Amino acid sequence: AQHQRQVRALLQRRVRVLHRRQVQARLVPLRVHQVQLQLRPQRLQRLRRHQQLLQQLSTTTKTTTTTTVTTCYSGNSFSSTPLFSKSGTSPSYWTEYSFNYVAATTTPILIFSFTTDLNSNYFLGDVSVTLISSPSIQLLANPNFDNSTTIATDWLVWCAYTCTGGAGAQVTWGTNCYLSIGNCFLVDCPDTGSGAIVYLGQSFSATIGSTYKIDFWLRIAYGGGSTSSTLFNAFVQ
């Protein structure tokens, strides 16, 4: 009788262990599914932002009798007035610029435009968008381009195909960038008469009526000549 009780107790322990393992095996896929459900809205939100940016940029198209052609040349413009504009041969050294923006939409789009000439390149680095009341919370993804190789991850580059000369628009690193460390965005897109231009943009979440600080570092490498046709603009659409 004692032996039977021992056998019965051993079997009960094994049943409890097996039951616990079965429950854990069922919980693991459930937890993974819960994490996936948490990540899915974030991915969908990022996709919607990029789609909105593409839709906004596509408003700069013109329709002919035969086809629709994207207008990616100097005549291209946005409905809003630039919040910041710089032309000529400055800044010749890394300079920080910042300005405030009061949100008029829940998904504003920060857009930079670059026009260079045969003697100049633009370098952009350490872009930042923060809520004035929460300066420690970065609202841009990959704001300093460090999560990139040559393609600006999480950003959209527009009209780069107009760069028929130079290195075009791409992420660079090393001595080209601020303090010679990290990454930055290079535009080597000389206007050879065709009106070449490059746009770089990313959307962010905002609350209508709230004030945001937009900050970035900019430098132009100018190779000579008496005049320069370079132009840099910063927009928020």
C-alpha atoms as a PDB file:
ATOM      1  CA  ALA A   1       0.000   0.000   0.000  1.00  0.00           C
ATOM      2  CA  GLN A   2       2.833   2.386   0.823  1.00  0.00           C
ATOM      3  CA  HIS A   3       4.468   1.617  -2.526  1.00  0.00           C
ATOM      4  CA  GLN A   4       1.204   2.390  -4.337  1.00  0.00           C
ATOM      5  CA  ARG A   5       0.933   5.744  -2.521  1.00  0.00           C
ATOM      6  CA  GLN A   6       4.496   6.624  -3.547  1.00  0.00           C
ATOM      7  CA  VAL A   7       3.798   5.715  -7.168  1.00  0.00           C
ATOM      8  CA  ARG A   8       0.562   7.744  -7.127  1.00  0.00           C
ATOM      9  CA  ALA A   9       2.359  10.808  -5.658  1.00  0.00           C
ATOM     10  CA  LEU A  10       5.118  10.544  -8.274  1.00  0.00           C
ATOM     11  CA  LEU A  11       2.575  10.379 -11.090  1.00  0.00           C
ATOM     12  CA  GLN A  12       0.735  13.416  -9.703  1.00  0.00           C
ATOM     13  CA  ARG A  13       3.993  15.443  -9.619  1.00  0.00           C
ATOM     14  CA  ARG A  14       4.748  14.470 -13.213  1.00  0.00           C
ATOM     15  CA  VAL A  15       1.247  15.495 -14.295  1.00  0.00           C
ATOM     16  CA  ARG A  16       1.675  18.888 -12.601  1.00  0.00           C
ATOM     17  CA  VAL A  17       5.061  19.431 -14.310  1.00  0.00           C
ATOM     18  CA  LEU A  18       3.681  18.468 -17.709  1.00  0.00           C
ATOM     19  CA  HIS A  19       0.669  20.729 -17.211  1.00  0.00           C
ATOM     20  CA  ARG A  20       2.909  23.659 -16.237  1.00  0.00           C
ATOM     21  CA  ARG A  21       5.091  23.137 -19.323  1.00  0.00           C
ATOM     22  CA  GLN A  22       2.042  22.979 -21.581  1.00  0.00           C
ATOM     23  CA  VAL A  23       0.741  26.239 -20.126  1.00  0.00           C
ATOM     24  CA  GLN A  24       4.135  27.918 -20.603  1.00  0.00           C
ATOM     25  CA  ALA A  25       4.339  26.651 -24.178  1.00  0.00           C
ATOM     26  CA  ARG A  26       0.970  28.219 -24.872  1.00  0.00           C
ATOM     27  CA  LEU A  27       1.885  31.485 -23.133  1.00  0.00           C
ATOM     28  CA  VAL A  28       5.081  32.062 -25.152  1.00  0.00           C
ATOM     29  CA  PRO A  29       3.309  32.394 -28.534  1.00  0.00           C
ATOM     30  CA  LEU A  30       0.677  34.520 -26.803  1.00  0.00           C
ATOM     31  CA  ARG A  31       3.324  36.924 -25.474  1.00  0.00           C
ATOM     32  CA  VAL A  32       4.995  37.106 -28.886  1.00  0.00           C
ATOM     33  CA  HIS A  33       1.621  37.826 -30.458  1.00  0.00           C
ATOM     34  CA  GLN A  34       0.990  40.564 -27.889  1.00  0.00           C
ATOM     35  CA  VAL A  35       4.367  42.183 -28.687  1.00  0.00           C
ATOM     36  CA  GLN A  36       3.588  41.980 -32.399  1.00  0.00           C
ATOM     37  CA  LEU A  37       0.236  43.646 -31.781  1.00  0.00           C
ATOM     38  CA  GLN A  38       2.028  46.426 -29.887  1.00  0.00           C
ATOM     39  CA  LEU A  39       4.572  46.961 -32.664  1.00  0.00           C
ATOM     40  CA  ARG A  40       2.080  46.774 -35.524  1.00  0.00           C
ATOM     41  CA  PRO A  41       0.391  50.156 -34.792  1.00  0.00           C
ATOM     42  CA  GLN A  42       3.825  51.824 -34.623  1.00  0.00           C
ATOM     43  CA  ARG A  43       4.790  50.396 -38.009  1.00  0.00           C
ATOM     44  CA  LEU A  44       1.450  51.365 -39.484  1.00  0.00           C
ATOM     45  CA  GLN A  45       1.830  54.882 -38.104  1.00  0.00           C
ATOM     46  CA  ARG A  46       5.303  55.203 -39.649  1.00  0.00           C
ATOM     47  CA  LEU A  47       3.963  53.883 -42.968  1.00  0.00           C
ATOM     48  CA  ARG A  48       1.075  56.348 -42.892  1.00  0.00           C
ATOM     49  CA  ARG A  49       3.498  59.215 -42.255  1.00  0.00           C
ATOM     50  CA  HIS A  50       5.665  58.246 -45.201  1.00  0.00           C
ATOM     51  CA  GLN A  51       2.603  57.859 -47.393  1.00  0.00           C
ATOM     52  CA  GLN A  52       1.447  61.311 -46.348  1.00  0.00           C
ATOM     53  CA  LEU A  53       4.848  62.763 -47.177  1.00  0.00           C
ATOM     54  CA  LEU A  54       4.770  61.142 -50.599  1.00  0.00           C
ATOM     55  CA  GLN A  55       1.265  62.466 -51.154  1.00  0.00           C
ATOM     56  CA  GLN A  56       2.351  65.959 -50.112  1.00  0.00           C
ATOM     57  CA  LEU A  57       5.337  65.887 -52.419  1.00  0.00           C
ATOM     58  CA  SER A  58       3.238  64.531 -55.255  1.00  0.00           C
ATOM     59  CA  THR A  59       1.225  67.757 -55.230  1.00  0.00           C
ATOM     60  CA  THR A  60       4.152  69.309 -57.089  1.00  0.00           C
ATOM     61  CA  THR A  61       3.280  67.399 -60.258  1.00  0.00           C
ATOM     62  CA  LYS A  62       1.977  68.767 -63.515  1.00  0.00           C
ATOM     63  CA  THR A  63      -0.334  66.972 -65.925  1.00  0.00           C
ATOM     64  CA  THR A  64       0.124  66.989 -69.683  1.00  0.00           C
ATOM     65  CA  THR A  65      -2.110  65.522 -72.382  1.00  0.00           C
ATOM     66  CA  THR A  66      -0.055  62.340 -72.447  1.00  0.00           C
ATOM     67  CA  THR A  67       1.391  61.727 -69.004  1.00  0.00           C
ATOM     68  CA  THR A  68       1.926  63.071 -65.503  1.00  0.00           C
ATOM     69  CA  VAL A  69       5.468  64.312 -64.904  1.00  0.00           C
ATOM     70  CA  THR A  70       6.887  65.130 -61.492  1.00  0.00           C
ATOM     71  CA  THR A  71       8.314  68.644 -61.480  1.00  0.00           C
ATOM     72  CA  CYS A  72      11.611  68.220 -59.627  1.00  0.00           C
ATOM     73  CA  TYR A  73      13.436  71.333 -60.696  1.00  0.00           C
ATOM     74  CA  SER A  74      14.121  74.792 -59.326  1.00  0.00           C
ATOM     75  CA  GLY A  75      10.612  75.930 -60.208  1.00  0.00           C
ATOM     76  CA  ASN A  76       9.284  73.358 -57.764  1.00  0.00           C
ATOM     77  CA  SER A  77       7.813  75.023 -54.694  1.00  0.00           C
ATOM     78  CA  PHE A  78       5.696  74.315 -51.649  1.00  0.00           C
ATOM     79  CA  SER A  79       2.650  76.222 -50.524  1.00  0.00           C
ATOM     80  CA  SER A  80       4.270  77.334 -47.277  1.00  0.00           C
ATOM     81  CA  THR A  81       6.917  80.035 -46.934  1.00  0.00           C
ATOM     82  CA  PRO A  82      10.308  78.653 -45.835  1.00  0.00           C
ATOM     83  CA  LEU A  83      10.883  78.893 -42.102  1.00  0.00           C
ATOM     84  CA  PHE A  84      14.573  79.222 -42.875  1.00  0.00           C
ATOM     85  CA  SER A  85      16.522  80.072 -46.006  1.00  0.00           C
ATOM     86  CA  LYS A  86      20.238  80.392 -46.743  1.00  0.00           C
ATOM     87  CA  SER A  87      21.971  81.207 -50.022  1.00  0.00           C
ATOM     88  CA  GLY A  88      25.464  81.987 -51.245  1.00  0.00           C
ATOM     89  CA  THR A  89      28.672  80.586 -49.796  1.00  0.00           C
ATOM     90  CA  SER A  90      27.789  80.487 -46.107  1.00  0.00           C
ATOM     91  CA  PRO A  91      27.911  78.909 -43.626  1.00  0.00           C
ATOM     92  CA  SER A  92      31.427  77.782 -44.495  1.00  0.00           C
ATOM     93  CA  TYR A  93      31.775  76.059 -41.114  1.00  0.00           C
ATOM     94  CA  TRP A  94      29.346  73.977 -39.109  1.00  0.00           C
ATOM     95  CA  THR A  95      26.630  76.278 -37.775  1.00  0.00           C
ATOM     96  CA  GLU A  96      23.597  75.455 -35.668  1.00  0.00           C
ATOM     97  CA  TYR A  97      20.210  76.899 -36.626  1.00  0.00           C
ATOM     98  CA  SER A  98      16.955  76.620 -34.708  1.00  0.00           C
ATOM     99  CA  PHE A  99      13.464  78.047 -34.890  1.00  0.00           C
ATOM    100  CA  ASN A 100      10.058  77.461 -33.366  1.00  0.00           C
ATOM    101  CA  TYR A 101       7.045  76.053 -35.157  1.00  0.00           C
ATOM    102  CA  VAL A 102       3.415  76.108 -33.995  1.00  0.00           C
ATOM    103  CA  ALA A 103       1.707  72.969 -35.258  1.00  0.00           C
ATOM    104  CA  ALA A 104      -1.224  73.471 -37.613  1.00  0.00           C
ATOM    105  CA  THR A 105      -1.695  69.738 -38.239  1.00  0.00           C
ATOM    106  CA  THR A 106      -1.214  66.502 -36.312  1.00  0.00           C
ATOM    107  CA  THR A 107       1.366  65.180 -38.789  1.00  0.00           C
ATOM    108  CA  PRO A 108       3.598  68.046 -39.939  1.00  0.00           C
ATOM    109  CA  ILE A 109       6.307  67.290 -42.479  1.00  0.00           C
ATOM    110  CA  LEU A 110       9.776  68.763 -42.056  1.00  0.00           C
ATOM    111  CA  ILE A 111      11.324  69.277 -45.502  1.00  0.00           C
ATOM    112  CA  PHE A 112      14.768  70.536 -46.498  1.00  0.00           C
ATOM    113  CA  SER A 113      15.563  71.595 -50.061  1.00  0.00           C
ATOM    114  CA  PHE A 114      19.070  71.875 -51.513  1.00  0.00           C
ATOM    115  CA  THR A 115      20.292  73.576 -54.685  1.00  0.00           C
ATOM    116  CA  THR A 116      24.039  73.527 -55.322  1.00  0.00           C
ATOM    117  CA  ASP A 117      26.393  74.550 -58.107  1.00  0.00           C
ATOM    118  CA  LEU A 118      29.569  73.119 -59.621  1.00  0.00           C
ATOM    119  CA  ASN A 119      31.687  74.542 -56.808  1.00  0.00           C
ATOM    120  CA  SER A 120      29.726  73.605 -53.702  1.00  0.00           C
ATOM    121  CA  ASN A 121      28.320  70.830 -51.521  1.00  0.00           C
ATOM    122  CA  TYR A 122      25.877  70.997 -48.617  1.00  0.00           C
ATOM    123  CA  PHE A 123      26.234  68.993 -45.400  1.00  0.00           C
ATOM    124  CA  LEU A 124      23.329  68.630 -42.953  1.00  0.00           C
ATOM    125  CA  GLY A 125      23.608  67.003 -39.538  1.00  0.00           C
ATOM    126  CA  ASP A 126      22.000  66.478 -36.129  1.00  0.00           C
ATOM    127  CA  VAL A 127      18.448  67.400 -37.083  1.00  0.00           C
ATOM    128  CA  SER A 128      16.068  67.590 -34.134  1.00  0.00           C
ATOM    129  CA  VAL A 129      12.372  68.195 -33.504  1.00  0.00           C
ATOM    130  CA  THR A 130      11.175  68.438 -29.906  1.00  0.00           C
ATOM    131  CA  LEU A 131       8.167  69.781 -28.075  1.00  0.00           C
ATOM    132  CA  ILE A 132       9.148  72.979 -26.252  1.00  0.00           C
ATOM    133  CA  SER A 133       7.693  71.649 -23.010  1.00  0.00           C
ATOM    134  CA  SER A 134       9.411  68.234 -23.439  1.00  0.00           C
ATOM    135  CA  PRO A 135      12.868  68.989 -24.886  1.00  0.00           C
ATOM    136  CA  SER A 136      14.281  65.566 -24.013  1.00  0.00           C
ATOM    137  CA  ILE A 137      11.835  63.661 -26.264  1.00  0.00           C
ATOM    138  CA  GLN A 138      13.047  63.384 -29.868  1.00  0.00           C
ATOM    139  CA  LEU A 139      10.179  63.229 -32.371  1.00  0.00           C
ATOM    140  CA  LEU A 140      12.225  62.266 -35.438  1.00  0.00           C
ATOM    141  CA  ALA A 141      13.513  58.809 -36.286  1.00  0.00           C
ATOM    142  CA  ASN A 142      17.232  58.596 -37.066  1.00  0.00           C
ATOM    143  CA  PRO A 143      17.634  62.387 -36.677  1.00  0.00           C
ATOM    144  CA  ASN A 144      21.435  62.363 -36.906  1.00  0.00           C
ATOM    145  CA  PHE A 145      21.623  59.807 -39.754  1.00  0.00           C
ATOM    146  CA  ASP A 146      23.777  57.496 -37.616  1.00  0.00           C
ATOM    147  CA  ASN A 147      21.419  54.588 -38.291  1.00  0.00           C
ATOM    148  CA  SER A 148      22.349  54.706 -41.987  1.00  0.00           C
ATOM    149  CA  THR A 149      25.047  53.672 -44.439  1.00  0.00           C
ATOM    150  CA  THR A 150      24.608  55.725 -47.609  1.00  0.00           C
ATOM    151  CA  ILE A 151      20.796  55.723 -47.686  1.00  0.00           C
ATOM    152  CA  ALA A 152      19.067  58.021 -45.188  1.00  0.00           C
ATOM    153  CA  THR A 153      17.042  55.467 -43.218  1.00  0.00           C
ATOM    154  CA  ASP A 154      13.635  56.733 -41.970  1.00  0.00           C
ATOM    155  CA  TRP A 155      13.914  59.778 -44.245  1.00  0.00           C
ATOM    156  CA  LEU A 156      12.573  60.329 -47.752  1.00  0.00           C
ATOM    157  CA  VAL A 157      14.872  61.770 -50.414  1.00  0.00           C
ATOM    158  CA  TRP A 158      13.007  63.394 -53.280  1.00  0.00           C
ATOM    159  CA  CYS A 159      14.120  64.504 -56.749  1.00  0.00           C
ATOM    160  CA  ALA A 160      17.648  63.096 -56.388  1.00  0.00           C
ATOM    161  CA  TYR A 161      17.409  61.869 -59.984  1.00  0.00           C
ATOM    162  CA  THR A 162      17.852  65.484 -61.126  1.00  0.00           C
ATOM    163  CA  CYS A 163      21.481  65.290 -59.953  1.00  0.00           C
ATOM    164  CA  THR A 164      23.145  64.482 -63.260  1.00  0.00           C
ATOM    165  CA  GLY A 165      26.544  65.426 -61.870  1.00  0.00           C
ATOM    166  CA  GLY A 166      28.328  65.088 -58.543  1.00  0.00           C
ATOM    167  CA  ALA A 167      27.762  62.496 -55.849  1.00  0.00           C
ATOM    168  CA  GLY A 168      24.047  63.205 -55.604  1.00  0.00           C
ATOM    169  CA  ALA A 169      22.314  62.978 -52.230  1.00  0.00           C
ATOM    170  CA  GLN A 170      23.519  60.432 -49.691  1.00  0.00           C
ATOM    171  CA  VAL A 171      24.672  59.862 -46.130  1.00  0.00           C
ATOM    172  CA  THR A 172      28.379  60.397 -45.530  1.00  0.00           C
ATOM    173  CA  TRP A 173      30.608  60.182 -42.458  1.00  0.00           C
ATOM    174  CA  GLY A 174      33.974  61.017 -40.908  1.00  0.00           C
ATOM    175  CA  THR A 175      35.720  64.316 -41.557  1.00  0.00           C
ATOM    176  CA  ASN A 176      32.815  65.553 -43.682  1.00  0.00           C
ATOM    177  CA  CYS A 177      30.612  65.720 -40.596  1.00  0.00           C
ATOM    178  CA  TYR A 178      30.461  67.843 -37.459  1.00  0.00           C
ATOM    179  CA  LEU A 179      33.479  67.274 -35.181  1.00  0.00           C
ATOM    180  CA  SER A 180      34.575  64.646 -37.741  1.00  0.00           C
ATOM    181  CA  ILE A 181      32.485  61.960 -36.046  1.00  0.00           C
ATOM    182  CA  GLY A 182      29.194  60.242 -36.806  1.00  0.00           C
ATOM    183  CA  ASN A 183      27.172  60.642 -39.979  1.00  0.00           C
ATOM    184  CA  CYS A 184      25.639  63.554 -41.873  1.00  0.00           C
ATOM    185  CA  PHE A 185      23.681  64.123 -45.078  1.00  0.00           C
ATOM    186  CA  LEU A 186      25.615  65.219 -48.173  1.00  0.00           C
ATOM    187  CA  VAL A 187      24.132  66.953 -51.218  1.00  0.00           C
ATOM    188  CA  ASP A 188      26.481  67.244 -54.189  1.00  0.00           C
ATOM    189  CA  CYS A 189      23.967  68.098 -56.884  1.00  0.00           C
ATOM    190  CA  PRO A 190      25.364  70.799 -59.186  1.00  0.00           C
ATOM    191  CA  ASP A 191      22.858  72.749 -61.226  1.00  0.00           C
ATOM    192  CA  THR A 192      24.277  72.489 -64.731  1.00  0.00           C
ATOM    193  CA  GLY A 193      21.436  74.481 -66.237  1.00  0.00           C
ATOM    194  CA  SER A 194      18.651  71.961 -65.706  1.00  0.00           C
ATOM    195  CA  GLY A 195      17.625  73.366 -62.322  1.00  0.00           C
ATOM    196  CA  ALA A 196      18.612  70.314 -60.265  1.00  0.00           C
ATOM    197  CA  ILE A 197      17.258  70.207 -56.720  1.00  0.00           C
ATOM    198  CA  VAL A 198      17.053  67.693 -53.842  1.00  0.00           C
ATOM    199  CA  TYR A 199      14.431  67.383 -51.093  1.00  0.00           C
ATOM    200  CA  LEU A 200      14.851  65.580 -47.779  1.00  0.00           C
ATOM    201  CA  GLY A 201      11.843  65.074 -45.524  1.00  0.00           C
ATOM    202  CA  GLN A 202      10.307  63.304 -42.556  1.00  0.00           C
ATOM    203  CA  SER A 203       6.969  63.680 -40.789  1.00  0.00           C
ATOM    204  CA  PHE A 204       6.430  63.733 -37.030  1.00  0.00           C
ATOM    205  CA  SER A 205       3.512  63.565 -34.607  1.00  0.00           C
ATOM    206  CA  ALA A 206       2.250  66.860 -33.209  1.00  0.00           C
ATOM    207  CA  THR A 207      -0.589  68.459 -31.293  1.00  0.00           C
ATOM    208  CA  ILE A 208      -2.298  71.335 -33.070  1.00  0.00           C
ATOM    209  CA  GLY A 209      -1.447  74.626 -31.362  1.00  0.00           C
ATOM    210  CA  SER A 210       1.631  73.286 -29.558  1.00  0.00           C
ATOM    211  CA  THR A 211       5.048  74.845 -30.141  1.00  0.00           C
ATOM    212  CA  TYR A 212       7.972  72.746 -31.373  1.00  0.00           C
ATOM    213  CA  LYS A 213      11.670  73.503 -31.639  1.00  0.00           C
ATOM    214  CA  ILE A 214      13.340  72.539 -34.911  1.00  0.00           C
ATOM    215  CA  ASP A 215      17.108  72.415 -34.813  1.00  0.00           C
ATOM    216  CA  PHE A 216      19.847  71.374 -37.258  1.00  0.00           C
ATOM    217  CA  TRP A 217      23.496  71.907 -38.162  1.00  0.00           C
ATOM    218  CA  LEU A 218      24.504  73.046 -41.641  1.00  0.00           C
ATOM    219  CA  ARG A 219      27.721  73.595 -43.573  1.00  0.00           C
ATOM    220  CA  ILE A 220      28.582  74.393 -47.185  1.00  0.00           C
ATOM    221  CA  ALA A 221      31.872  73.389 -48.783  1.00  0.00           C
ATOM    222  CA  TYR A 222      32.568  76.025 -51.419  1.00  0.00           C
ATOM    223  CA  GLY A 223      35.278  75.379 -53.992  1.00  0.00           C
ATOM    224  CA  GLY A 224      35.724  78.853 -55.448  1.00  0.00           C
ATOM    225  CA  GLY A 225      34.321  81.299 -57.974  1.00  0.00           C
ATOM    226  CA  SER A 226      33.063  84.840 -57.575  1.00  0.00           C
ATOM    227  CA  THR A 227      29.384  83.941 -57.202  1.00  0.00           C
ATOM    228  CA  SER A 228      27.320  81.010 -56.020  1.00  0.00           C
ATOM    229  CA  SER A 229      23.823  79.865 -56.964  1.00  0.00           C
ATOM    230  CA  THR A 230      23.406  77.660 -53.902  1.00  0.00           C
ATOM    231  CA  LEU A 231      20.161  77.754 -51.949  1.00  0.00           C
ATOM    232  CA  PHE A 232      19.029  75.908 -48.819  1.00  0.00           C
ATOM    233  CA  ASN A 233      15.468  76.041 -47.484  1.00  0.00           C
ATOM    234  CA  ALA A 234      13.684  74.492 -44.514  1.00  0.00           C
ATOM    235  CA  PHE A 235       9.900  74.065 -44.688  1.00  0.00           C
ATOM    236  CA  VAL A 236       7.231  72.592 -42.476  1.00  0.00           C
ATOM    237  CA  GLN A 237       4.155  71.460 -44.403  1.00  0.00           C
END
